[in-house]
C-alpha atoms as a PDB file:
ATOM      1  CA  UNK A   1       0.000   0.000   0.000  1.00  0.00           C
ATOM      2  CA  UNK A   2       1.884   3.028  -1.272  1.00  0.00           C
ATOM      3  CA  UNK A   3      -0.627   5.898  -1.377  1.00  0.00           C
ATOM      4  CA  UNK A   4      -4.255   6.934  -0.960  1.00  0.00           C
ATOM      5  CA  UNK A   5      -5.846  10.094  -2.335  1.00  0.00           C
ATOM      6  CA  UNK A   6      -7.822  12.200   0.145  1.00  0.00           C
ATOM      7  CA  UNK A   7      -9.315  15.241  -1.538  1.00  0.00           C
ATOM      8  CA  UNK A   8      -6.428  16.989  -3.275  1.00  0.00           C
ATOM      9  CA  UNK A   9      -3.875  15.353  -0.966  1.00  0.00           C
ATOM     10  CA  UNK A  10      -1.851  12.223  -1.644  1.00  0.00           C
ATOM     11  CA  UNK A  11      -1.247  10.277   1.560  1.00  0.00           C
ATOM     12  CA  UNK A  12       1.516   7.729   1.803  1.00  0.00           C
ATOM     13  CA  UNK A  13       5.153   6.968   1.164  1.00  0.00           C
ATOM     14  CA  UNK A  14       7.092   9.939  -0.175  1.00  0.00           C
ATOM     15  CA  UNK A  15       4.291  12.431   0.509  1.00  0.00           C
ATOM     16  CA  UNK A  16       3.859  15.010   3.312  1.00  0.00           C
ATOM     17  CA  UNK A  17       2.336  13.807   6.560  1.00  0.00           C
ATOM     18  CA  UNK A  18      -1.424  14.406   6.693  1.00  0.00           C
ATOM     19  CA  UNK A  19      -2.099  16.285   9.936  1.00  0.00           C
ATOM     20  CA  UNK A  20      -5.539  16.256  11.558  1.00  0.00           C
ATOM     21  CA  UNK A  21      -6.786  18.696  14.169  1.00  0.00           C
ATOM     22  CA  UNK A  22      -9.308  16.712  16.242  1.00  0.00           C
ATOM     23  CA  UNK A  23     -11.756  19.389  17.388  1.00  0.00           C
ATOM     24  CA  UNK A  24     -14.135  16.809  18.816  1.00  0.00           C
ATOM     25  CA  UNK A  25     -16.463  18.473  21.318  1.00  0.00           C
ATOM     26  CA  UNK A  26     -14.281  21.557  21.831  1.00  0.00           C
ATOM     27  CA  UNK A  27     -16.701  23.754  19.909  1.00  0.00           C
ATOM     28  CA  UNK A  28     -18.689  23.805  23.209  1.00  0.00           C
ATOM     29  CA  UNK A  29     -22.096  23.885  21.579  1.00  0.00           C
ATOM     30  CA  UNK A  30     -21.338  26.986  19.506  1.00  0.00           C
ATOM     31  CA  UNK A  31     -21.293  27.077  15.727  1.00  0.00           C
ATOM     32  CA  UNK A  32     -19.271  30.279  15.913  1.00  0.00           C
ATOM     33  CA  UNK A  33     -16.635  28.534  18.024  1.00  0.00           C
ATOM     34  CA  UNK A  34     -16.600  25.600  15.626  1.00  0.00           C
ATOM     35  CA  UNK A  35     -15.822  27.949  12.735  1.00  0.00           C
ATOM     36  CA  UNK A  36     -13.216  29.771  14.806  1.00  0.00           C
ATOM     37  CA  UNK A  37     -11.445  26.488  15.603  1.00  0.00           C
ATOM     38  CA  UNK A  38     -11.489  25.552  11.913  1.00  0.00           C
ATOM     39  CA  UNK A  39      -9.811  28.893  11.160  1.00  0.00           C
ATOM     40  CA  UNK A  40      -7.193  28.384  13.878  1.00  0.00           C
ATOM     41  CA  UNK A  41      -6.455  24.829  12.782  1.00  0.00           C
ATOM     42  CA  UNK A  42      -5.906  25.982   9.206  1.00  0.00           C
ATOM     43  CA  UNK A  43      -3.608  28.787  10.383  1.00  0.00           C
ATOM     44  CA  UNK A  44      -1.595  26.254  12.390  1.00  0.00           C
ATOM     45  CA  UNK A  45      -0.998  24.051   9.359  1.00  0.00           C
ATOM     46  CA  UNK A  46      -3.651  21.341   9.773  1.00  0.00           C
ATOM     47  CA  UNK A  47      -4.636  19.503   6.600  1.00  0.00           C
ATOM     48  CA  UNK A  48      -7.978  18.423   8.047  1.00  0.00           C
ATOM     49  CA  UNK A  49     -10.340  19.134  10.931  1.00  0.00           C
ATOM     50  CA  UNK A  50     -12.278  16.332  12.549  1.00  0.00           C
ATOM     51  CA  UNK A  51     -15.490  16.348  14.542  1.00  0.00           C
ATOM     52  CA  UNK A  52     -17.569  13.522  16.037  1.00  0.00           C
ATOM     53  CA  UNK A  53     -21.079  12.770  14.826  1.00  0.00           C
ATOM     54  CA  UNK A  54     -23.301  11.091  17.370  1.00  0.00           C
ATOM     55  CA  UNK A  55     -26.632  11.346  19.138  1.00  0.00           C
ATOM     56  CA  UNK A  56     -26.462  10.561  22.823  1.00  0.00           C
ATOM     57  CA  UNK A  57     -29.282   8.045  22.749  1.00  0.00           C
ATOM     58  CA  UNK A  58     -27.562   6.185  19.915  1.00  0.00           C
ATOM     59  CA  UNK A  59     -24.180   5.883  21.607  1.00  0.00           C
ATOM     60  CA  UNK A  60     -24.637   5.461  25.375  1.00  0.00           C
ATOM     61  CA  UNK A  61     -27.107   3.745  27.677  1.00  0.00           C
ATOM     62  CA  UNK A  62     -28.094   5.955  30.598  1.00  0.00           C
ATOM     63  CA  UNK A  63     -29.152   2.886  32.564  1.00  0.00           C
ATOM     64  CA  UNK A  64     -25.892   1.152  31.750  1.00  0.00           C
ATOM     65  CA  UNK A  65     -23.797   3.953  33.226  1.00  0.00           C
ATOM     66  CA  UNK A  66     -26.012   4.744  36.209  1.00  0.00           C
ATOM     67  CA  UNK A  67     -24.476   2.234  38.577  1.00  0.00           C
ATOM     68  CA  UNK A  68     -20.962   2.338  37.209  1.00  0.00           C
ATOM     69  CA  UNK A  69     -18.181   4.392  38.770  1.00  0.00           C
ATOM     70  CA  UNK A  70     -15.408   4.382  36.202  1.00  0.00           C
ATOM     71  CA  UNK A  71     -12.194   6.329  36.672  1.00  0.00           C
ATOM     72  CA  UNK A  72     -12.628   8.485  33.588  1.00  0.00           C
ATOM     73  CA  UNK A  73     -15.845   9.923  35.035  1.00  0.00           C
ATOM     74  CA  UNK A  74     -14.139  11.187  38.187  1.00  0.00           C
ATOM     75  CA  UNK A  75     -13.511  14.701  36.855  1.00  0.00           C
ATOM     76  CA  UNK A  76     -16.927  15.119  35.276  1.00  0.00           C
ATOM     77  CA  UNK A  77     -19.439  17.331  37.070  1.00  0.00           C
ATOM     78  CA  UNK A  78     -22.390  15.910  35.131  1.00  0.00           C
ATOM     79  CA  UNK A  79     -23.467  12.338  34.545  1.00  0.00           C
ATOM     80  CA  UNK A  80     -22.336  10.557  31.388  1.00  0.00           C
ATOM     81  CA  UNK A  81     -25.554  11.181  29.479  1.00  0.00           C
ATOM     82  CA  UNK A  82     -25.464  14.928  30.122  1.00  0.00           C
ATOM     83  CA  UNK A  83     -21.785  15.134  29.166  1.00  0.00           C
ATOM     84  CA  UNK A  84     -22.462  13.409  25.850  1.00  0.00           C
ATOM     85  CA  UNK A  85     -25.538  15.568  25.261  1.00  0.00           C
ATOM     86  CA  UNK A  86     -23.496  18.749  25.616  1.00  0.00           C
ATOM     87  CA  UNK A  87     -20.866  17.374  23.239  1.00  0.00           C
ATOM     88  CA  UNK A  88     -23.273  16.519  20.414  1.00  0.00           C
ATOM     89  CA  UNK A  89     -22.465  18.046  17.041  1.00  0.00           C
ATOM     90  CA  UNK A  90     -25.875  19.065  15.620  1.00  0.00           C
ATOM     91  CA  UNK A  91     -26.733  17.310  12.389  1.00  0.00           C
ATOM     92  CA  UNK A  92     -27.871  20.547  10.764  1.00  0.00           C
ATOM     93  CA  UNK A  93     -24.374  21.980  11.262  1.00  0.00           C
ATOM     94  CA  UNK A  94     -22.631  19.282   9.245  1.00  0.00           C
ATOM     95  CA  UNK A  95     -23.175  20.922   5.851  1.00  0.00           C
ATOM     96  CA  UNK A  96     -22.459  24.384   7.236  1.00  0.00           C
ATOM     97  CA  UNK A  97     -19.081  23.309   8.626  1.00  0.00           C
ATOM     98  CA  UNK A  98     -18.307  21.110   5.616  1.00  0.00           C
ATOM     99  CA  UNK A  99     -18.825  24.056   3.250  1.00  0.00           C
ATOM    100  CA  UNK A 100     -17.016  26.464   5.584  1.00  0.00           C
ATOM    101  CA  UNK A 101     -13.937  24.240   5.850  1.00  0.00           C
ATOM    102  CA  UNK A 102     -13.894  23.721   2.085  1.00  0.00           C
ATOM    103  CA  UNK A 103     -13.986  27.482   1.589  1.00  0.00           C
ATOM    104  CA  UNK A 104     -11.027  27.816   3.975  1.00  0.00           C
ATOM    105  CA  UNK A 105      -9.023  25.157   2.152  1.00  0.00           C
ATOM    106  CA  UNK A 106      -9.064  22.514   4.849  1.00  0.00           C
ATOM    107  CA  UNK A 107     -10.684  19.056   4.715  1.00  0.00           C
ATOM    108  CA  UNK A 108     -13.622  18.523   7.069  1.00  0.00           C
ATOM    109  CA  UNK A 109     -14.625  15.061   8.183  1.00  0.00           C
ATOM    110  CA  UNK A 110     -16.060  13.273  11.159  1.00  0.00           C
ATOM    111  CA  UNK A 111     -16.266   9.998  13.017  1.00  0.00           C
ATOM    112  CA  UNK A 112     -19.857   8.827  12.440  1.00  0.00           C
ATOM    113  CA  UNK A 113     -21.222   6.820  15.364  1.00  0.00           C
ATOM    114  CA  UNK A 114     -24.452   5.713  13.698  1.00  0.00           C
ATOM    115  CA  UNK A 115     -25.619   4.920  10.178  1.00  0.00           C
ATOM    116  CA  UNK A 116     -27.563   8.163   9.764  1.00  0.00           C
ATOM    117  CA  UNK A 117     -24.399  10.132  10.526  1.00  0.00           C
ATOM    118  CA  UNK A 118     -22.475   8.065   7.971  1.00  0.00           C
ATOM    119  CA  UNK A 119     -25.166   8.808   5.377  1.00  0.00           C
ATOM    120  CA  UNK A 120     -24.985  12.546   6.092  1.00  0.00           C
ATOM    121  CA  UNK A 121     -21.256  12.469   5.480  1.00  0.00           C
ATOM    122  CA  UNK A 122     -21.754  10.511   2.286  1.00  0.00           C
ATOM    123  CA  UNK A 123     -24.352  13.000   1.024  1.00  0.00           C
ATOM    124  CA  UNK A 124     -21.961  15.858   1.736  1.00  0.00           C
ATOM    125  CA  UNK A 125     -19.202  14.165  -0.205  1.00  0.00           C
ATOM    126  CA  UNK A 126     -16.899  13.715   2.775  1.00  0.00           C
ATOM    127  CA  UNK A 127     -13.407  12.693   1.696  1.00  0.00           C
ATOM    128  CA  UNK A 128     -12.804  10.165   4.474  1.00  0.00           C
ATOM    129  CA  UNK A 129     -14.312   8.476   7.529  1.00  0.00           C
ATOM    130  CA  UNK A 130     -12.947   7.671  10.959  1.00  0.00           C
ATOM    131  CA  UNK A 131     -13.856   4.552  12.895  1.00  0.00           C
ATOM    132  CA  UNK A 132     -13.331   5.417  16.553  1.00  0.00           C
ATOM    133  CA  UNK A 133     -11.417   2.868  18.617  1.00  0.00           C
ATOM    134  CA  UNK A 134     -14.553   2.061  20.592  1.00  0.00           C
ATOM    135  CA  UNK A 135     -16.389   0.904  17.470  1.00  0.00           C
ATOM    136  CA  UNK A 136     -13.736  -1.419  16.061  1.00  0.00           C
ATOM    137  CA  UNK A 137     -15.763  -4.464  17.124  1.00  0.00           C
ATOM    138  CA  UNK A 138     -19.050  -3.135  15.651  1.00  0.00           C
ATOM    139  CA  UNK A 139     -18.544  -5.050  12.426  1.00  0.00           C
ATOM    140  CA  UNK A 140     -21.962  -4.193  10.995  1.00  0.00           C
ATOM    141  CA  UNK A 141     -21.075  -0.501  11.134  1.00  0.00           C
ATOM    142  CA  UNK A 142     -17.648  -1.142   9.617  1.00  0.00           C
ATOM    143  CA  UNK A 143     -19.296  -2.899   6.678  1.00  0.00           C
ATOM    144  CA  UNK A 144     -21.775  -0.043   6.266  1.00  0.00           C
ATOM    145  CA  UNK A 145     -19.032   2.575   6.137  1.00  0.00           C
ATOM    146  CA  UNK A 146     -16.815   0.423   3.913  1.00  0.00           C
ATOM    147  CA  UNK A 147     -19.547   0.453   1.278  1.00  0.00           C
ATOM    148  CA  UNK A 148     -19.239   4.254   1.043  1.00  0.00           C
ATOM    149  CA  UNK A 149     -15.988   3.515  -0.821  1.00  0.00           C
ATOM    150  CA  UNK A 150     -14.014   6.291   0.819  1.00  0.00           C
ATOM    151  CA  UNK A 151     -10.704   6.123   2.739  1.00  0.00           C
ATOM    152  CA  UNK A 152     -11.217   4.898   6.308  1.00  0.00           C
ATOM    153  CA  UNK A 153      -9.113   5.691   9.353  1.00  0.00           C
ATOM    154  CA  UNK A 154      -9.402   2.969  11.977  1.00  0.00           C
ATOM    155  CA  UNK A 155      -8.554   3.869  15.565  1.00  0.00           C
ATOM    156  CA  UNK A 156      -7.030   0.804  17.207  1.00  0.00           C
ATOM    157  CA  UNK A 157      -6.815   1.904  20.836  1.00  0.00           C
ATOM    158  CA  UNK A 158      -7.566  -0.796  23.444  1.00  0.00           C
ATOM    159  CA  UNK A 159      -7.681  -3.412  20.665  1.00  0.00           C
ATOM    160  CA  UNK A 160      -5.967  -6.742  20.196  1.00  0.00           C
ATOM    161  CA  UNK A 161      -4.163  -7.565  16.968  1.00  0.00           C
ATOM    162  CA  UNK A 162      -6.866 -10.159  16.296  1.00  0.00           C
ATOM    163  CA  UNK A 163      -9.567  -7.459  16.526  1.00  0.00           C
ATOM    164  CA  UNK A 164      -7.615  -5.211  14.159  1.00  0.00           C
ATOM    165  CA  UNK A 165      -7.261  -8.139  11.763  1.00  0.00           C
ATOM    166  CA  UNK A 166     -11.004  -8.798  11.910  1.00  0.00           C
ATOM    167  CA  UNK A 167     -11.819  -5.126  11.210  1.00  0.00           C
ATOM    168  CA  UNK A 168      -9.461  -4.957   8.236  1.00  0.00           C
ATOM    169  CA  UNK A 169     -10.898  -8.164   6.753  1.00  0.00           C
ATOM    170  CA  UNK A 170     -14.487  -6.954   7.114  1.00  0.00           C
ATOM    171  CA  UNK A 171     -13.718  -3.714   5.271  1.00  0.00           C
ATOM    172  CA  UNK A 172     -11.737  -5.433   2.545  1.00  0.00           C
ATOM    173  CA  UNK A 173     -14.512  -7.964   2.021  1.00  0.00           C
ATOM    174  CA  UNK A 174     -16.693  -5.026   0.948  1.00  0.00           C
ATOM    175  CA  UNK A 175     -14.174  -4.158  -1.756  1.00  0.00           C
ATOM    176  CA  UNK A 176     -12.659  -1.213   0.092  1.00  0.00           C
ATOM    177  CA  UNK A 177      -8.895  -1.336   0.554  1.00  0.00           C
ATOM    178  CA  UNK A 178      -8.433   2.362   1.370  1.00  0.00           C
ATOM    179  CA  UNK A 179      -7.495   1.691   4.984  1.00  0.00           C
ATOM    180  CA  UNK A 180      -5.191   3.615   7.317  1.00  0.00           C
ATOM    181  CA  UNK A 181      -4.589   1.979  10.704  1.00  0.00           C
ATOM    182  CA  UNK A 182      -4.004   4.424  13.543  1.00  0.00           C
ATOM    183  CA  UNK A 183      -2.059   3.275  16.585  1.00  0.00           C
ATOM    184  CA  UNK A 184      -3.696   4.849  19.620  1.00  0.00           C
ATOM    185  CA  UNK A 185      -3.850   4.606  23.391  1.00  0.00           C
ATOM    186  CA  UNK A 186      -7.342   5.366  24.652  1.00  0.00           C
ATOM    187  CA  UNK A 187      -6.512   7.318  27.757  1.00  0.00           C
ATOM    188  CA  UNK A 188      -6.646  11.094  28.097  1.00  0.00           C
ATOM    189  CA  UNK A 189      -3.835  11.971  28.420  1.00  0.00           C
ATOM    190  CA  UNK A 190      -2.002   8.719  27.739  1.00  0.00           C
ATOM    191  CA  UNK A 191       1.430   7.721  29.065  1.00  0.00           C
ATOM    192  CA  UNK A 192       4.622   7.831  27.029  1.00  0.00           C
ATOM    193  CA  UNK A 193       5.642   4.375  28.194  1.00  0.00           C
ATOM    194  CA  UNK A 194       2.477   2.947  26.610  1.00  0.00           C
ATOM    195  CA  UNK A 195       2.754   4.814  23.294  1.00  0.00           C
ATOM    196  CA  UNK A 196       4.336   1.789  21.554  1.00  0.00           C
ATOM    197  CA  UNK A 197       4.908   3.571  18.273  1.00  0.00           C
ATOM    198  CA  UNK A 198       6.663   0.441  17.007  1.00  0.00           C
ATOM    199  CA  UNK A 199       3.232  -1.206  16.683  1.00  0.00           C
ATOM    200  CA  UNK A 200       2.836   0.577  13.355  1.00  0.00           C
ATOM    201  CA  UNK A 201       5.626  -1.590  11.939  1.00  0.00           C
ATOM    202  CA  UNK A 202       3.594  -4.660  12.913  1.00  0.00           C
ATOM    203  CA  UNK A 203       0.553  -3.198  11.141  1.00  0.00           C
ATOM    204  CA  UNK A 204       2.555  -2.544   7.988  1.00  0.00           C
ATOM    205  CA  UNK A 205       3.904  -6.085   7.916  1.00  0.00           C
ATOM    206  CA  UNK A 206       0.683  -7.846   8.935  1.00  0.00           C
ATOM    207  CA  UNK A 207      -1.861  -5.901   6.891  1.00  0.00           C
ATOM    208  CA  UNK A 208       0.040  -4.007   4.164  1.00  0.00           C
ATOM    209  CA  UNK A 209      -1.844  -0.817   4.985  1.00  0.00           C
ATOM    210  CA  UNK A 210      -0.854   2.784   5.462  1.00  0.00           C
ATOM    211  CA  UNK A 211      -0.367   3.674   9.121  1.00  0.00           C
ATOM    212  CA  UNK A 212      -0.788   6.705  11.352  1.00  0.00           C
ATOM    213  CA  UNK A 213      -0.935   7.715  14.983  1.00  0.00           C
ATOM    214  CA  UNK A 214      -3.823   9.209  16.941  1.00  0.00           C
ATOM    215  CA  UNK A 215      -1.931  10.663  19.876  1.00  0.00           C
ATOM    216  CA  UNK A 216      -3.064  11.599  23.370  1.00  0.00           C
ATOM    217  CA  UNK A 217       0.330  12.123  25.030  1.00  0.00           C
ATOM    218  CA  UNK A 218       1.421  15.662  25.969  1.00  0.00           C
ATOM    219  CA  UNK A 219       3.472  17.540  23.389  1.00  0.00           C
ATOM    220  CA  UNK A 220       4.681  16.214  20.065  1.00  0.00           C
ATOM    221  CA  UNK A 221       7.411  13.712  20.898  1.00  0.00           C
ATOM    222  CA  UNK A 222       5.215  10.771  19.902  1.00  0.00           C
ATOM    223  CA  UNK A 223       4.064  12.335  16.587  1.00  0.00           C
ATOM    224  CA  UNK A 224       7.692  12.970  15.605  1.00  0.00           C
ATOM    225  CA  UNK A 225       8.595   9.385  16.462  1.00  0.00           C
ATOM    226  CA  UNK A 226       5.586   8.139  14.528  1.00  0.00           C
ATOM    227  CA  UNK A 227       6.542  10.066  11.399  1.00  0.00           C
ATOM    228  CA  UNK A 228      10.074   8.678  11.679  1.00  0.00           C
ATOM    229  CA  UNK A 229       8.667   5.125  11.692  1.00  0.00           C
ATOM    230  CA  UNK A 230       6.587   5.732   8.579  1.00  0.00           C
ATOM    231  CA  UNK A 231       3.267   7.108   9.835  1.00  0.00           C
ATOM    232  CA  UNK A 232       1.603   9.166   7.119  1.00  0.00           C
ATOM    233  CA  UNK A 233      -1.179  10.590   9.340  1.00  0.00           C
ATOM    234  CA  UNK A 234      -0.999  12.332  12.711  1.00  0.00           C
ATOM    235  CA  UNK A 235      -4.129  13.189  14.681  1.00  0.00           C
ATOM    236  CA  UNK A 236      -4.089  15.411  17.781  1.00  0.00           C
ATOM    237  CA  UNK A 237      -6.885  16.990  19.825  1.00  0.00           C
ATOM    238  CA  UNK A 238      -7.100  20.744  19.271  1.00  0.00           C
ATOM    239  CA  UNK A 239      -8.497  23.657  21.283  1.00  0.00           C
ATOM    240  CA  UNK A 240      -7.955  27.364  21.693  1.00  0.00           C
ATOM    241  CA  UNK A 241      -7.897  27.142  25.492  1.00  0.00           C
ATOM    242  CA  UNK A 242      -7.189  24.075  27.648  1.00  0.00           C
ATOM    243  CA  UNK A 243      -8.749  25.693  30.728  1.00  0.00           C
ATOM    244  CA  UNK A 244     -12.259  25.650  29.247  1.00  0.00           C
ATOM    245  CA  UNK A 245     -14.789  23.184  30.629  1.00  0.00           C
ATOM    246  CA  UNK A 246     -15.471  20.040  28.629  1.00  0.00           C
ATOM    247  CA  UNK A 247     -14.028  16.533  28.380  1.00  0.00           C
ATOM    248  CA  UNK A 248     -11.698  17.178  25.429  1.00  0.00           C
ATOM    249  CA  UNK A 249     -10.095  20.495  26.390  1.00  0.00           C
ATOM    250  CA  UNK A 250      -7.579  19.421  29.088  1.00  0.00           C
ATOM    251  CA  UNK A 251      -5.598  17.018  26.886  1.00  0.00           C
ATOM    252  CA  UNK A 252      -5.808  19.042  23.642  1.00  0.00           C
ATOM    253  CA  UNK A 253      -3.070  21.118  22.022  1.00  0.00           C
ATOM    254  CA  UNK A 254      -3.466  24.868  21.882  1.00  0.00           C
ATOM    255  CA  UNK A 255      -2.665  26.728  18.625  1.00  0.00           C
ATOM    256  CA  UNK A 256       0.925  27.571  19.597  1.00  0.00           C
ATOM    257  CA  UNK A 257       1.671  23.935  20.450  1.00  0.00           C
ATOM    258  CA  UNK A 258      -0.092  22.592  17.369  1.00  0.00           C
ATOM    259  CA  UNK A 259       1.780  24.924  15.017  1.00  0.00           C
ATOM    260  CA  UNK A 260       5.060  23.991  16.684  1.00  0.00           C
ATOM    261  CA  UNK A 261       4.237  20.315  16.109  1.00  0.00           C
ATOM    262  CA  UNK A 262       3.371  20.913  12.445  1.00  0.00           C
ATOM    263  CA  UNK A 263       6.521  22.969  11.877  1.00  0.00           C
ATOM    264  CA  UNK A 264       8.696  20.296  13.480  1.00  0.00           C
ATOM    265  CA  UNK A 265       7.054  17.521  11.465  1.00  0.00           C
ATOM    266  CA  UNK A 266       7.780  19.460   8.272  1.00  0.00           C
ATOM    267  CA  UNK A 267      11.405  19.929   9.367  1.00  0.00           C
ATOM    268  CA  UNK A 268      11.642  16.235  10.206  1.00  0.00           C
ATOM    269  CA  UNK A 269      10.323  15.295   6.768  1.00  0.00           C
ATOM    270  CA  UNK A 270      13.130  17.321   5.199  1.00  0.00           C
ATOM    271  CA  UNK A 271      15.656  15.715   7.545  1.00  0.00           C
ATOM    272  CA  UNK A 272      14.461  12.172   6.781  1.00  0.00           C
ATOM    273  CA  UNK A 273      15.213  12.804   3.122  1.00  0.00           C
ATOM    274  CA  UNK A 274      15.949   9.774   0.954  1.00  0.00           C
ATOM    275  CA  UNK A 275      17.761   6.465   1.507  1.00  0.00           C
ATOM    276  CA  UNK A 276      20.439   7.434  -1.045  1.00  0.00           C
ATOM    277  CA  UNK A 277      23.800   8.149   0.609  1.00  0.00           C
ATOM    278  CA  UNK A 278      25.560  11.039  -1.092  1.00  0.00           C
ATOM    279  CA  UNK A 279      27.883  13.998  -0.546  1.00  0.00           C
ATOM    280  CA  UNK A 280      25.504  16.890  -0.165  1.00  0.00           C
ATOM    281  CA  UNK A 281      26.152  20.410  -1.523  1.00  0.00           C
ATOM    282  CA  UNK A 282      26.708  21.868   1.956  1.00  0.00           C
ATOM    283  CA  UNK A 283      29.416  19.242   2.607  1.00  0.00           C
ATOM    284  CA  UNK A 284      31.518  19.806  -0.503  1.00  0.00           C
ATOM    285  CA  UNK A 285      33.779  22.340   1.143  1.00  0.00           C
ATOM    286  CA  UNK A 286      34.155  20.342   4.353  1.00  0.00           C
ATOM    287  CA  UNK A 287      35.381  17.352   2.335  1.00  0.00           C
ATOM    288  CA  UNK A 288      38.390  19.497   1.406  1.00  0.00           C
ATOM    289  CA  UNK A 289      38.810  21.079   4.851  1.00  0.00           C
ATOM    290  CA  UNK A 290      38.532  17.949   6.991  1.00  0.00           C
ATOM    291  CA  UNK A 291      40.157  15.226   4.910  1.00  0.00           C
ATOM    292  CA  UNK A 292      43.905  14.575   4.846  1.00  0.00           C
ATOM    293  CA  UNK A 293      46.191  14.084   1.897  1.00  0.00           C
ATOM    294  CA  UNK A 294      49.817  13.242   1.148  1.00  0.00           C
ATOM    295  CA  UNK A 295      52.129  16.279   1.466  1.00  0.00           C
ATOM    296  CA  UNK A 296      55.888  16.545   1.185  1.00  0.00           C
ATOM    297  CA  UNK A 297      57.700  17.733   4.308  1.00  0.00           C
ATOM    298  CA  UNK A 298      60.657  19.237   2.404  1.00  0.00           C
ATOM    299  CA  UNK A 299      61.523  20.738  -0.940  1.00  0.00           C
ATOM    300  CA  UNK A 300      61.751  17.918  -3.498  1.00  0.00           C
ATOM    301  CA  UNK A 301      63.143  18.090  -7.035  1.00  0.00           C
ATOM    302  CA  UNK A 302      62.171  16.462 -10.303  1.00  0.00           C
ATOM    303  CA  UNK A 303      63.705  12.977 -10.408  1.00  0.00           C
ATOM    304  CA  UNK A 304      63.670  12.465  -6.617  1.00  0.00           C
ATOM    305  CA  UNK A 305      62.296   9.150  -5.351  1.00  0.00           C
ATOM    306  CA  UNK A 306      59.535   9.538  -2.755  1.00  0.00           C
ATOM    307  CA  UNK A 307      60.326   7.854   0.560  1.00  0.00           C
ATOM    308  CA  UNK A 308      57.971   7.315   3.508  1.00  0.00           C
ATOM    309  CA  UNK A 309      59.902   9.809   5.621  1.00  0.00           C
ATOM    310  CA  UNK A 310      59.267  12.499   2.950  1.00  0.00           C
ATOM    311  CA  UNK A 311      55.497  12.353   3.491  1.00  0.00           C
ATOM    312  CA  UNK A 312      53.201  14.074   5.994  1.00  0.00           C
ATOM    313  CA  UNK A 313      49.497  13.249   6.175  1.00  0.00           C
ATOM    314  CA  UNK A 314      47.731  16.556   6.792  1.00  0.00           C
ATOM    315  CA  UNK A 315      44.640  18.615   6.057  1.00  0.00           C
ATOM    316  CA  UNK A 316      43.297  20.047   3.746  1.00  0.00           C
ATOM    317  CA  UNK A 317      42.820  17.691   0.798  1.00  0.00           C
ATOM    318  CA  UNK A 318      42.162  19.574  -2.474  1.00  0.00           C
ATOM    319  CA  UNK A 319      40.334  17.756  -5.248  1.00  0.00           C
ATOM    320  CA  UNK A 320      43.572  16.914  -7.070  1.00  0.00           C
ATOM    321  CA  UNK A 321      45.315  15.564  -3.956  1.00  0.00           C
ATOM    322  CA  UNK A 322      46.108  11.963  -3.076  1.00  0.00           C
ATOM    323  CA  UNK A 323      44.351  10.357  -0.068  1.00  0.00           C
ATOM    324  CA  UNK A 324      46.383   8.556   2.636  1.00  0.00           C
ATOM    325  CA  UNK A 325      45.058   5.157   1.576  1.00  0.00           C
ATOM    326  CA  UNK A 326      47.334   5.404  -1.502  1.00  0.00           C
ATOM    327  CA  UNK A 327      50.528   6.104   0.478  1.00  0.00           C
ATOM    328  CA  UNK A 328      52.021   2.647  -0.088  1.00  0.00           C
ATOM    329  CA  UNK A 329      51.439   3.050  -3.816  1.00  0.00           C
ATOM    330  CA  UNK A 330      53.180   6.465  -3.903  1.00  0.00           C
ATOM    331  CA  UNK A 331      56.277   5.399  -1.920  1.00  0.00           C
ATOM    332  CA  UNK A 332      59.069   4.627  -4.349  1.00  0.00           C
ATOM    333  CA  UNK A 333      57.594   6.657  -7.205  1.00  0.00           C
ATOM    334  CA  UNK A 334      59.744   9.240  -9.037  1.00  0.00           C
ATOM    335  CA  UNK A 335      58.740  12.898  -9.164  1.00  0.00           C
ATOM    336  CA  UNK A 336      58.139  14.363 -12.622  1.00  0.00           C
ATOM    337  CA  UNK A 337      58.455  17.948 -11.353  1.00  0.00           C
ATOM    338  CA  UNK A 338      59.588  19.986  -8.345  1.00  0.00           C
ATOM    339  CA  UNK A 339      57.309  20.270  -5.271  1.00  0.00           C
ATOM    340  CA  UNK A 340      57.857  22.885  -2.575  1.00  0.00           C
ATOM    341  CA  UNK A 341      57.724  21.998   1.121  1.00  0.00           C
ATOM    342  CA  UNK A 342      54.213  21.499   2.515  1.00  0.00           C
ATOM    343  CA  UNK A 343      52.506  21.176  -0.863  1.00  0.00           C
ATOM    344  CA  UNK A 344      50.364  18.172  -1.706  1.00  0.00           C
ATOM    345  CA  UNK A 345      51.387  15.470  -4.140  1.00  0.00           C
ATOM    346  CA  UNK A 346      49.233  15.159  -7.257  1.00  0.00           C
ATOM    347  CA  UNK A 347      48.848  12.095  -9.445  1.00  0.00           C
ATOM    348  CA  UNK A 348      50.296  14.035 -12.363  1.00  0.00           C
ATOM    349  CA  UNK A 349      53.460  14.694 -10.270  1.00  0.00           C
ATOM    350  CA  UNK A 350      54.583  11.064 -10.231  1.00  0.00           C
END
């Protein structure tokens, strides 16, 4: 799997990393804020902005959560149902934001958490879909989205390799091979020691898919490592202010941090370069300055025989000089012309 086209972007080997600003619920119920975050993400260098499309009653069971006291709920002031309700992205806003992002030159897409949401995205002409890590085992939904015949990002947080394998097979069985597997740790924030970026190598070998990283660690160390290991997509949560209330703000990047990450990824891409080993233009002078060559340590006349004690091995080494590795070959040769003390021996001299 070498490349996949997403909108006007080519994603894959030899192409720039596709960087996603995950806005999620950080629009805080305001269409104006949603647009503002799209603007900020574009300014910071994001290629795409991502939202989440769900209706509370179609994603969580109020009864199911009532008697559960899970750790992730500890910092929430409201119950799970109310938190999800506040985070809903209204269906009537999908087209508005889709058109707005297109106008701004950034790709808009979402993670649809029900079939109606997937259909809305399809009707809009969304360029790609995201399967959230929590839905990787909902094979019916994977099949439904696969039939849309668009690129699919699959979050693989809290999944076994067998579950990833099953998800990939289900999508491919529907004739869709436009799959990008995202390594992810579903904790907010997640720990560096659990990042396991190397997993993407396993994905590449096992499934022959493009790979990416959906990162929840602080900063951009993990994204840089992921790009180094061949990830073609990086996804990070994005907000304008981490102190705002809401489940996604505390672990999101602010604009300054996001732009710094993008800038460093672009620098890293330049640094990674190509696998061809060469002498680069900026090194051509240092080759002369730092390498040694054979120089005579006294005035020598035409007809003199070069002895080992006549030679010093010193910097610099001009292009027409003789490298030290040829010393044994030069010893015993006869000079064809005079050489002054300290000058280098040239092939044409002997």
